[in-house]
Amino acid sequence: MSGSEPNRPLPPLTPADIGPQVPRRGGAGVAWLGRFILRRIGWRVVGRLPDRPRAVMIAAPHTSNYDGLVGIAAILGLRLDIRFMAKHSLFRGPAGWLLRAAGGIPVDRRRPGGVVAETQRLLAAGDPFWLGITPEGTRSGAGEWKTGFHRIAVELGLPIIVVTFCYRRREARILETFWPEGDLERDLEAIYAALDDVTPRHPERLSAPLKRRR
């Protein structure tokens, strides 16, 4: 993989900065809601998005449900068409409506192989959207990352966009766009390195691959 310096200051990202090939969804009302939430909680979105119709976007580290609030507000505010998998039990009541509006797809996590196959099928169909994944799979210090996102990107020839939530900066940061080289371990180490300067909400819950670098 190749990328730029991940820990430099990043420019604010606005809808005007998004290229024409980036998949979009939602109307003005949904976008207003997303921006309103970000203003209320004092967060902003920074970085640059590649002008690509399809991509795999991963978010890490994931140590708190608050990450999801920031992420969903950012997706809504920028009107991005990002489909992300979340456990089906979260799609109940008003929270379920918000998740679906942001592109959430309920899944049964007891069938991980089926999830990867289904996402590959959707992306291979050629419809323009980005797939969002939290590779740690849990907020409570995973021993290792789930690597289905890498297999999908390699097999379909898609870039991997690395996003993180830094609580020191109060920023949703788009750090890197990597083209995986096919060497899983090397590619993972490049992603882990991009996350070295990130402060999660609960550092004690970092996944093992990130914790060993600190």
C-alpha atoms as a PDB file:
ATOM      1  CA  MET A   1       0.000   0.000   0.000  1.00  0.00           C
ATOM      2  CA  SER A   2       0.994   3.585  -0.409  1.00  0.00           C
ATOM      3  CA  GLY A   3      -0.293   6.699   1.344  1.00  0.00           C
ATOM      4  CA  SER A   4       0.600  10.162   2.537  1.00  0.00           C
ATOM      5  CA  GLU A   5       1.541  11.378   5.995  1.00  0.00           C
ATOM      6  CA  PRO A   6      -1.495  10.433   8.112  1.00  0.00           C
ATOM      7  CA  ASN A   7      -0.909  12.624  11.164  1.00  0.00           C
ATOM      8  CA  ARG A   8      -0.583  16.026   9.512  1.00  0.00           C
ATOM      9  CA  PRO A   9      -3.401  18.586   9.950  1.00  0.00           C
ATOM     10  CA  LEU A  10      -6.199  17.760   7.527  1.00  0.00           C
ATOM     11  CA  PRO A  11      -8.472  20.270   5.765  1.00  0.00           C
ATOM     12  CA  PRO A  12     -12.194  20.446   6.587  1.00  0.00           C
ATOM     13  CA  LEU A  13     -14.343  18.373   4.238  1.00  0.00           C
ATOM     14  CA  THR A  14     -17.466  20.005   2.830  1.00  0.00           C
ATOM     15  CA  PRO A  15     -19.997  18.784   0.223  1.00  0.00           C
ATOM     16  CA  ALA A  16     -18.366  21.126  -2.310  1.00  0.00           C
ATOM     17  CA  ASP A  17     -15.092  19.174  -1.970  1.00  0.00           C
ATOM     18  CA  ILE A  18     -16.641  15.855  -3.025  1.00  0.00           C
ATOM     19  CA  GLY A  19     -16.003  14.670  -6.576  1.00  0.00           C
ATOM     20  CA  PRO A  20     -18.781  13.847  -9.069  1.00  0.00           C
ATOM     21  CA  GLN A  21     -18.132  10.091  -9.037  1.00  0.00           C
ATOM     22  CA  VAL A  22     -18.583   9.735  -5.280  1.00  0.00           C
ATOM     23  CA  PRO A  23     -21.963   8.020  -4.666  1.00  0.00           C
ATOM     24  CA  ARG A  24     -24.499  10.266  -2.939  1.00  0.00           C
ATOM     25  CA  ARG A  25     -27.873   9.728  -1.326  1.00  0.00           C
ATOM     26  CA  GLY A  26     -30.395  11.600   0.795  1.00  0.00           C
ATOM     27  CA  GLY A  27     -31.938  15.030   0.455  1.00  0.00           C
ATOM     28  CA  ALA A  28     -31.422  18.478   1.909  1.00  0.00           C
ATOM     29  CA  GLY A  29     -33.364  17.692   5.086  1.00  0.00           C
ATOM     30  CA  VAL A  30     -31.242  14.655   5.946  1.00  0.00           C
ATOM     31  CA  ALA A  31     -28.052  16.602   5.190  1.00  0.00           C
ATOM     32  CA  TRP A  32     -29.196  19.419   7.494  1.00  0.00           C
ATOM     33  CA  LEU A  33     -29.836  16.910  10.275  1.00  0.00           C
ATOM     34  CA  GLY A  34     -26.347  15.451   9.953  1.00  0.00           C
ATOM     35  CA  ARG A  35     -24.667  18.852  10.042  1.00  0.00           C
ATOM     36  CA  PHE A  36     -26.852  19.924  12.962  1.00  0.00           C
ATOM     37  CA  ILE A  37     -25.792  16.884  14.995  1.00  0.00           C
ATOM     38  CA  LEU A  38     -22.111  17.535  14.275  1.00  0.00           C
ATOM     39  CA  ARG A  39     -22.434  21.181  15.362  1.00  0.00           C
ATOM     40  CA  ARG A  40     -24.257  20.244  18.550  1.00  0.00           C
ATOM     41  CA  ILE A  41     -21.620  17.740  19.621  1.00  0.00           C
ATOM     42  CA  GLY A  42     -18.714  19.956  18.523  1.00  0.00           C
ATOM     43  CA  TRP A  43     -17.199  17.659  15.910  1.00  0.00           C
ATOM     44  CA  ARG A  44     -16.117  18.177  12.315  1.00  0.00           C
ATOM     45  CA  VAL A  45     -15.107  16.058   9.318  1.00  0.00           C
ATOM     46  CA  VAL A  46     -11.632  16.534   7.840  1.00  0.00           C
ATOM     47  CA  GLY A  47      -9.604  15.005   5.026  1.00  0.00           C
ATOM     48  CA  ARG A  48     -10.162  14.235   1.371  1.00  0.00           C
ATOM     49  CA  LEU A  49     -12.281  11.582  -0.337  1.00  0.00           C
ATOM     50  CA  PRO A  50     -11.191   9.858  -3.546  1.00  0.00           C
ATOM     51  CA  ASP A  51     -13.392  10.496  -6.560  1.00  0.00           C
ATOM     52  CA  ARG A  52     -14.392   6.857  -7.016  1.00  0.00           C
ATOM     53  CA  PRO A  53     -17.828   5.280  -7.553  1.00  0.00           C
ATOM     54  CA  ARG A  54     -17.022   2.201  -5.448  1.00  0.00           C
ATOM     55  CA  ALA A  55     -14.691   1.714  -2.499  1.00  0.00           C
ATOM     56  CA  VAL A  56     -14.290  -0.041   0.839  1.00  0.00           C
ATOM     57  CA  MET A  57     -14.244   2.330   3.816  1.00  0.00           C
ATOM     58  CA  ILE A  58     -13.014   1.056   7.170  1.00  0.00           C
ATOM     59  CA  ALA A  59     -13.395   2.858  10.511  1.00  0.00           C
ATOM     60  CA  ALA A  60     -11.046   2.156  13.436  1.00  0.00           C
ATOM     61  CA  PRO A  61     -10.410   2.137  16.291  1.00  0.00           C
ATOM     62  CA  HIS A  62     -13.966   1.521  17.424  1.00  0.00           C
ATOM     63  CA  THR A  63     -14.220   1.737  21.223  1.00  0.00           C
ATOM     64  CA  SER A  64     -17.584   3.426  21.850  1.00  0.00           C
ATOM     65  CA  ASN A  65     -21.133   3.695  20.524  1.00  0.00           C
ATOM     66  CA  TYR A  66     -20.421   7.437  20.284  1.00  0.00           C
ATOM     67  CA  ASP A  67     -18.237   6.640  17.267  1.00  0.00           C
ATOM     68  CA  GLY A  68     -21.392   5.534  15.489  1.00  0.00           C
ATOM     69  CA  LEU A  69     -23.200   8.792  16.279  1.00  0.00           C
ATOM     70  CA  VAL A  70     -20.339  10.840  14.812  1.00  0.00           C
ATOM     71  CA  GLY A  71     -20.040   8.553  11.799  1.00  0.00           C
ATOM     72  CA  ILE A  72     -23.742   8.576  10.974  1.00  0.00           C
ATOM     73  CA  ALA A  73     -23.930  12.372  11.370  1.00  0.00           C
ATOM     74  CA  ALA A  74     -20.974  12.730   8.983  1.00  0.00           C
ATOM     75  CA  ILE A  75     -22.532  10.385   6.400  1.00  0.00           C
ATOM     76  CA  LEU A  76     -25.840  12.241   6.539  1.00  0.00           C
ATOM     77  CA  GLY A  77     -24.252  15.699   6.503  1.00  0.00           C
ATOM     78  CA  LEU A  78     -22.157  14.911   3.420  1.00  0.00           C
ATOM     79  CA  ARG A  79     -24.925  12.888   1.735  1.00  0.00           C
ATOM     80  CA  LEU A  80     -22.616   9.935   1.133  1.00  0.00           C
ATOM     81  CA  ASP A  81     -23.983   6.606  -0.073  1.00  0.00           C
ATOM     82  CA  ILE A  82     -22.120   4.336   2.316  1.00  0.00           C
ATOM     83  CA  ARG A  83     -23.724   0.976   3.084  1.00  0.00           C
ATOM     84  CA  PHE A  84     -22.561  -0.468   6.374  1.00  0.00           C
ATOM     85  CA  MET A  85     -23.349  -3.650   8.230  1.00  0.00           C
ATOM     86  CA  ALA A  86     -24.633  -3.504  11.803  1.00  0.00           C
ATOM     87  CA  LYS A  87     -26.134  -6.133  14.059  1.00  0.00           C
ATOM     88  CA  HIS A  88     -29.842  -6.516  13.479  1.00  0.00           C
ATOM     89  CA  SER A  89     -30.783  -5.772  17.102  1.00  0.00           C
ATOM     90  CA  LEU A  90     -29.768  -2.123  16.620  1.00  0.00           C
ATOM     91  CA  PHE A  91     -32.453  -1.543  13.983  1.00  0.00           C
ATOM     92  CA  ARG A  92     -35.329  -1.114  16.415  1.00  0.00           C
ATOM     93  CA  GLY A  93     -37.338   2.048  17.008  1.00  0.00           C
ATOM     94  CA  PRO A  94     -36.144   5.553  16.040  1.00  0.00           C
ATOM     95  CA  ALA A  95     -32.487   4.467  16.086  1.00  0.00           C
ATOM     96  CA  GLY A  96     -33.305   1.921  13.406  1.00  0.00           C
ATOM     97  CA  TRP A  97     -34.774   4.639  11.169  1.00  0.00           C
ATOM     98  CA  LEU A  98     -31.632   6.741  11.548  1.00  0.00           C
ATOM     99  CA  LEU A  99     -29.385   3.761  10.788  1.00  0.00           C
ATOM    100  CA  ARG A 100     -31.322   2.892   7.635  1.00  0.00           C
ATOM    101  CA  ALA A 101     -31.333   6.542   6.508  1.00  0.00           C
ATOM    102  CA  ALA A 102     -27.547   6.526   6.803  1.00  0.00           C
ATOM    103  CA  GLY A 103     -27.203   3.302   4.779  1.00  0.00           C
ATOM    104  CA  GLY A 104     -27.267   0.674   7.523  1.00  0.00           C
ATOM    105  CA  ILE A 105     -27.931  -2.952   6.594  1.00  0.00           C
ATOM    106  CA  PRO A 106     -28.992  -5.283   9.437  1.00  0.00           C
ATOM    107  CA  VAL A 107     -26.992  -8.527   9.580  1.00  0.00           C
ATOM    108  CA  ASP A 108     -26.741 -11.570  11.792  1.00  0.00           C
ATOM    109  CA  ARG A 109     -23.110 -11.578  12.906  1.00  0.00           C
ATOM    110  CA  ARG A 110     -23.293 -15.294  13.620  1.00  0.00           C
ATOM    111  CA  ARG A 111     -22.934 -15.778   9.845  1.00  0.00           C
ATOM    112  CA  PRO A 112     -19.678 -13.909   9.044  1.00  0.00           C
ATOM    113  CA  GLY A 113     -18.954 -15.864   5.881  1.00  0.00           C
ATOM    114  CA  GLY A 114     -22.396 -15.067   4.548  1.00  0.00           C
ATOM    115  CA  VAL A 115     -21.888 -11.361   5.259  1.00  0.00           C
ATOM    116  CA  VAL A 116     -18.683 -11.230   3.198  1.00  0.00           C
ATOM    117  CA  ALA A 117     -20.263 -13.154   0.319  1.00  0.00           C
ATOM    118  CA  GLU A 118     -23.313 -10.878   0.277  1.00  0.00           C
ATOM    119  CA  THR A 119     -21.259  -7.684   0.288  1.00  0.00           C
ATOM    120  CA  GLN A 120     -19.066  -9.036  -2.519  1.00  0.00           C
ATOM    121  CA  ARG A 121     -22.193  -9.800  -4.529  1.00  0.00           C
ATOM    122  CA  LEU A 122     -23.590  -6.289  -4.012  1.00  0.00           C
ATOM    123  CA  LEU A 123     -20.338  -4.566  -4.966  1.00  0.00           C
ATOM    124  CA  ALA A 124     -19.698  -6.853  -7.934  1.00  0.00           C
ATOM    125  CA  ALA A 125     -23.118  -5.911  -9.337  1.00  0.00           C
ATOM    126  CA  GLY A 126     -21.572  -2.555 -10.228  1.00  0.00           C
ATOM    127  CA  ASP A 127     -23.984  -0.199  -8.442  1.00  0.00           C
ATOM    128  CA  PRO A 128     -22.136   2.912  -7.203  1.00  0.00           C
ATOM    129  CA  PHE A 129     -21.858   2.850  -3.413  1.00  0.00           C
ATOM    130  CA  TRP A 130     -19.155   2.540  -0.793  1.00  0.00           C
ATOM    131  CA  LEU A 131     -19.028  -0.296   1.697  1.00  0.00           C
ATOM    132  CA  GLY A 132     -18.393   0.765   5.314  1.00  0.00           C
ATOM    133  CA  ILE A 133     -16.879  -1.736   7.777  1.00  0.00           C
ATOM    134  CA  THR A 134     -15.559  -1.665  11.349  1.00  0.00           C
ATOM    135  CA  PRO A 135     -12.903  -4.394  11.060  1.00  0.00           C
ATOM    136  CA  GLU A 136     -12.420  -4.824  14.808  1.00  0.00           C
ATOM    137  CA  GLY A 137     -15.965  -6.192  15.048  1.00  0.00           C
ATOM    138  CA  THR A 138     -16.362  -5.169  18.700  1.00  0.00           C
ATOM    139  CA  ARG A 139     -15.887  -2.149  20.982  1.00  0.00           C
ATOM    140  CA  SER A 140     -14.161  -4.198  23.654  1.00  0.00           C
ATOM    141  CA  GLY A 141     -10.563  -4.817  22.600  1.00  0.00           C
ATOM    142  CA  ALA A 142     -10.635  -7.408  19.818  1.00  0.00           C
ATOM    143  CA  GLY A 143      -7.721  -9.811  19.699  1.00  0.00           C
ATOM    144  CA  GLU A 144      -7.480  -9.458  15.932  1.00  0.00           C
ATOM    145  CA  TRP A 145      -9.193  -7.709  13.053  1.00  0.00           C
ATOM    146  CA  LYS A 146     -11.715  -9.316  10.745  1.00  0.00           C
ATOM    147  CA  THR A 147     -10.048  -9.212   7.334  1.00  0.00           C
ATOM    148  CA  GLY A 148     -13.013  -9.731   5.008  1.00  0.00           C
ATOM    149  CA  PHE A 149     -12.747  -6.075   3.960  1.00  0.00           C
ATOM    150  CA  HIS A 150      -9.267  -6.727   2.546  1.00  0.00           C
ATOM    151  CA  ARG A 151     -10.376  -9.781   0.591  1.00  0.00           C
ATOM    152  CA  ILE A 152     -13.274  -7.829  -0.907  1.00  0.00           C
ATOM    153  CA  ALA A 153     -11.010  -4.925  -1.919  1.00  0.00           C
ATOM    154  CA  VAL A 154      -8.368  -7.183  -3.478  1.00  0.00           C
ATOM    155  CA  GLU A 155     -10.778  -9.428  -5.369  1.00  0.00           C
ATOM    156  CA  LEU A 156     -12.814  -6.523  -6.755  1.00  0.00           C
ATOM    157  CA  GLY A 157      -9.892  -4.138  -7.308  1.00  0.00           C
ATOM    158  CA  LEU A 158     -11.208  -1.442  -4.952  1.00  0.00           C
ATOM    159  CA  PRO A 159      -9.373   1.143  -2.825  1.00  0.00           C
ATOM    160  CA  ILE A 160      -9.540   1.045   0.973  1.00  0.00           C
ATOM    161  CA  ILE A 161     -10.377   4.366   2.641  1.00  0.00           C
ATOM    162  CA  VAL A 162      -9.239   4.577   6.280  1.00  0.00           C
ATOM    163  CA  VAL A 163     -11.413   6.700   8.595  1.00  0.00           C
ATOM    164  CA  THR A 164     -11.001   7.282  12.301  1.00  0.00           C
ATOM    165  CA  PHE A 165     -12.590   9.220  15.175  1.00  0.00           C
ATOM    166  CA  CYS A 166     -10.044  11.225  17.148  1.00  0.00           C
ATOM    167  CA  TYR A 167     -11.386  12.427  20.497  1.00  0.00           C
ATOM    168  CA  ARG A 168      -8.365  14.620  21.172  1.00  0.00           C
ATOM    169  CA  ARG A 169      -9.077  16.635  18.031  1.00  0.00           C
ATOM    170  CA  ARG A 170     -12.857  16.009  17.983  1.00  0.00           C
ATOM    171  CA  GLU A 171     -12.542  15.113  14.323  1.00  0.00           C
ATOM    172  CA  ALA A 172     -13.827  12.392  12.050  1.00  0.00           C
ATOM    173  CA  ARG A 173     -10.602  12.024  10.060  1.00  0.00           C
ATOM    174  CA  ILE A 174     -10.294  10.567   6.564  1.00  0.00           C
ATOM    175  CA  LEU A 175      -6.675   9.493   6.844  1.00  0.00           C
ATOM    176  CA  GLU A 176      -5.660   7.516   3.777  1.00  0.00           C
ATOM    177  CA  THR A 177      -6.836   5.924   0.564  1.00  0.00           C
ATOM    178  CA  PHE A 178      -4.858   2.720   0.093  1.00  0.00           C
ATOM    179  CA  TRP A 179      -4.728   0.378  -2.877  1.00  0.00           C
ATOM    180  CA  PRO A 180      -4.117  -3.058  -1.336  1.00  0.00           C
ATOM    181  CA  GLU A 181      -1.139  -4.890  -2.787  1.00  0.00           C
ATOM    182  CA  GLY A 182      -2.445  -8.364  -1.941  1.00  0.00           C
ATOM    183  CA  ASP A 183      -0.013  -9.033   0.924  1.00  0.00           C
ATOM    184  CA  LEU A 184      -2.441  -9.117   3.858  1.00  0.00           C
ATOM    185  CA  GLU A 185       0.088  -8.680   6.654  1.00  0.00           C
ATOM    186  CA  ARG A 186       1.921  -5.841   4.932  1.00  0.00           C
ATOM    187  CA  ASP A 187      -1.316  -4.075   4.079  1.00  0.00           C
ATOM    188  CA  LEU A 188      -2.632  -4.416   7.627  1.00  0.00           C
ATOM    189  CA  GLU A 189       0.572  -2.994   9.098  1.00  0.00           C
ATOM    190  CA  ALA A 190       0.265   0.038   6.811  1.00  0.00           C
ATOM    191  CA  ILE A 191      -3.283   0.610   8.062  1.00  0.00           C
ATOM    192  CA  TYR A 192      -2.288   0.159  11.703  1.00  0.00           C
ATOM    193  CA  ALA A 193       0.534   2.706  11.206  1.00  0.00           C
ATOM    194  CA  ALA A 194      -1.940   5.269   9.839  1.00  0.00           C
ATOM    195  CA  LEU A 195      -3.820   5.030  13.154  1.00  0.00           C
ATOM    196  CA  ASP A 196      -0.850   5.553  15.470  1.00  0.00           C
ATOM    197  CA  ASP A 197      -1.662   9.182  16.313  1.00  0.00           C
ATOM    198  CA  VAL A 198      -5.401   8.685  16.930  1.00  0.00           C
ATOM    199  CA  THR A 199      -6.923   9.070  20.403  1.00  0.00           C
ATOM    200  CA  PRO A 200     -10.049   6.888  20.801  1.00  0.00           C
ATOM    201  CA  ARG A 201     -12.705   7.536  23.410  1.00  0.00           C
ATOM    202  CA  HIS A 202     -11.615   4.479  25.429  1.00  0.00           C
ATOM    203  CA  PRO A 203      -7.899   3.785  24.833  1.00  0.00           C
ATOM    204  CA  GLU A 204      -8.074   0.792  27.164  1.00  0.00           C
ATOM    205  CA  ARG A 205     -10.403  -0.891  24.652  1.00  0.00           C
ATOM    206  CA  LEU A 206      -8.007  -0.707  21.712  1.00  0.00           C
ATOM    207  CA  SER A 207      -7.780  -3.888  19.680  1.00  0.00           C
ATOM    208  CA  ALA A 208      -4.608  -5.907  20.166  1.00  0.00           C
ATOM    209  CA  PRO A 209      -2.968  -4.974  16.808  1.00  0.00           C
ATOM    210  CA  LEU A 210      -3.275  -1.249  17.616  1.00  0.00           C
ATOM    211  CA  LYS A 211      -2.398  -1.599  21.297  1.00  0.00           C
ATOM    212  CA  ARG A 212       0.892  -3.344  20.584  1.00  0.00           C
ATOM    213  CA  ARG A 213       2.088  -0.280  18.648  1.00  0.00           C
ATOM    214  CA  ARG A 214       1.622   2.082  21.600  1.00  0.00           C
END
